[in-house]
Amino acid sequence: MPKKELDSLRELTVKELQQKARDVKSELFNLRFALRTGHLTDFSKIRAMRRSYAQIQTIICEKRLAEGEHGAA
């Protein structure tokens, strides 16, 4: 994910990030299904999608920790 895209993700709320994570996870499932059925030609998409999911989860964790430090619920 490019730096600009990561910066735009950091501006989202936790709920929006969770929805985005669900979307990415769903897309990852579809890519894995396509891989197993032999319809996937670009295998690098799976790695990129896994990485995107991990980056989103990291941002969610960062936001939750920041909220906890400042007492916001």
Protein backbone atom coordinates (compact mmCIF):
# COMPACT_ATOMS: atom_id res chain seq x y z
CA MET A 1 0.00 0.00 0.00
CA PRO A 2 1.45 3.40 -0.89
CA LYS A 3 2.21 5.87 1.89
CA LYS A 4 -0.59 8.20 0.78
CA GLU A 5 -3.08 5.38 1.10
CA LEU A 6 -1.82 4.49 4.56
CA ASP A 7 -2.12 8.11 5.63
CA SER A 8 -5.70 8.22 4.40
CA LEU A 9 -6.44 5.03 6.35
CA ARG A 10 -5.09 6.59 9.52
CA GLU A 11 -7.70 9.34 9.20
CA LEU A 12 -10.59 6.85 9.32
CA THR A 13 -12.40 5.84 12.49
CA VAL A 14 -11.99 2.41 14.05
CA LYS A 15 -15.43 1.31 12.80
CA GLU A 16 -14.60 2.36 9.25
CA LEU A 17 -11.29 0.55 9.47
CA GLN A 18 -13.01 -2.59 10.73
CA GLN A 19 -15.39 -2.47 7.77
CA LYS A 20 -12.45 -2.03 5.40
CA ALA A 21 -10.71 -4.98 7.07
CA ARG A 22 -13.81 -7.13 6.52
CA ASP A 23 -13.86 -6.13 2.86
CA VAL A 24 -10.19 -6.97 2.40
CA LYS A 25 -10.63 -10.30 4.22
CA SER A 26 -13.55 -11.14 1.94
CA GLU A 27 -11.49 -10.29 -1.13
CA LEU A 28 -8.65 -12.45 0.21
CA PHE A 29 -11.09 -15.35 0.58
CA ASN A 30 -12.19 -14.88 -3.03
CA LEU A 31 -8.58 -14.84 -4.21
CA ARG A 32 -7.79 -18.03 -2.31
CA PHE A 33 -10.88 -19.67 -3.76
CA ALA A 34 -9.82 -18.62 -7.26
CA LEU A 35 -6.35 -20.02 -6.57
CA ARG A 36 -7.75 -23.40 -5.55
CA THR A 37 -10.06 -23.58 -8.57
CA GLY A 38 -7.26 -22.60 -10.93
CA HIS A 39 -8.71 -19.28 -12.06
CA LEU A 40 -6.10 -17.04 -10.46
CA THR A 41 -3.27 -16.04 -12.76
CA ASP A 42 -1.56 -13.32 -10.69
CA PHE A 43 -0.42 -14.95 -7.45
CA SER A 44 1.10 -11.75 -6.11
CA LYS A 45 -2.40 -10.41 -5.43
CA ILE A 46 -2.75 -12.81 -2.49
CA ARG A 47 0.42 -11.54 -0.85
CA ALA A 48 -0.57 -7.91 -1.44
CA MET A 49 -4.04 -8.51 0.02
CA ARG A 50 -2.59 -10.25 3.10
CA ARG A 51 -0.24 -7.34 3.59
CA SER A 52 -3.06 -4.79 3.24
CA TYR A 53 -5.12 -6.68 5.81
CA ALA A 54 -2.19 -6.70 8.25
CA GLN A 55 -1.59 -2.98 7.76
CA ILE A 56 -5.24 -2.18 8.45
CA GLN A 57 -5.19 -4.34 11.58
CA THR A 58 -2.03 -2.56 12.74
CA ILE A 59 -3.68 0.85 12.34
CA ILE A 60 -6.73 -0.38 14.28
CA CYS A 61 -4.45 -1.54 17.10
CA GLU A 62 -2.58 1.78 17.10
CA LYS A 63 -5.84 3.71 17.36
CA ARG A 64 -7.14 1.53 20.20
CA LEU A 65 -3.91 1.98 22.13
CA ALA A 66 -4.02 5.75 21.60
CA GLU A 67 -7.62 5.87 22.83
CA GLY A 68 -6.68 3.85 25.90
CA GLU A 69 -3.81 6.17 26.79
CA HIS A 70 -5.98 9.26 26.55
CA GLY A 71 -8.94 7.78 28.40
CA ALA A 72 -11.33 7.94 25.46
CA ALA A 73 -13.73 5.03 25.15
